[in-house]
Amino acid sequence: MQNLKILNKKEIKNILDIIKKQFDAEFKSDYVFLISEKNKIYIVNRDIERVDLSKLRVNSYGVYFGELRENELRLSVEGSQIIGKIAKKGVFELDDKNLKDWFNGLDLDVECEKGFVILKHKDDFVGCGKSLGNKVFNYLPKIRRFNISN
């Protein structure tokens, strides 16, 4: 079982500031934020506060939102779907070929701003990658990859 810590208001504000800086997104949430020993961030509905967690045996709580890395946030697929809708920067539009490469687990040779970027195809947000300016590194977990032909 994971050892998750509930974040206090100051720690949550830090994460919201990172989201604002990276994606120019005003993420107003009423979620409880949890962090693992490996800096993985989870968000959970506030109703969890009414549950005695000491009496439960579960692997994780809530939705995996992203990973905190040296004052940057690498969003999960679900995190990119939540933040992508409100992001004003740091969103890169994929064409059909790049979408195919992304889901096949390949890094993308594309020109875009440096840092973590949310990847979008039409109306769908498909994840988050790290851009060096001319390449976006693929962090899509192997379990979520699939082979798209043609």
Foldseek 3Di string as FASTA:
>chain_A
DFDKDWDDPVVVVLVQVQLCVQFVFRDDDPWTWIATPQQWIFTAHPCCVVDDCVPDDDDDHHHGAFGDDPSHTFGFQVNLQRRVVGGPDQEDEDDPVVVQCQLQQHKDQAADDAAKHFYDYDPGTGGIFGDPRGITHHPHDPVRHDHDDD
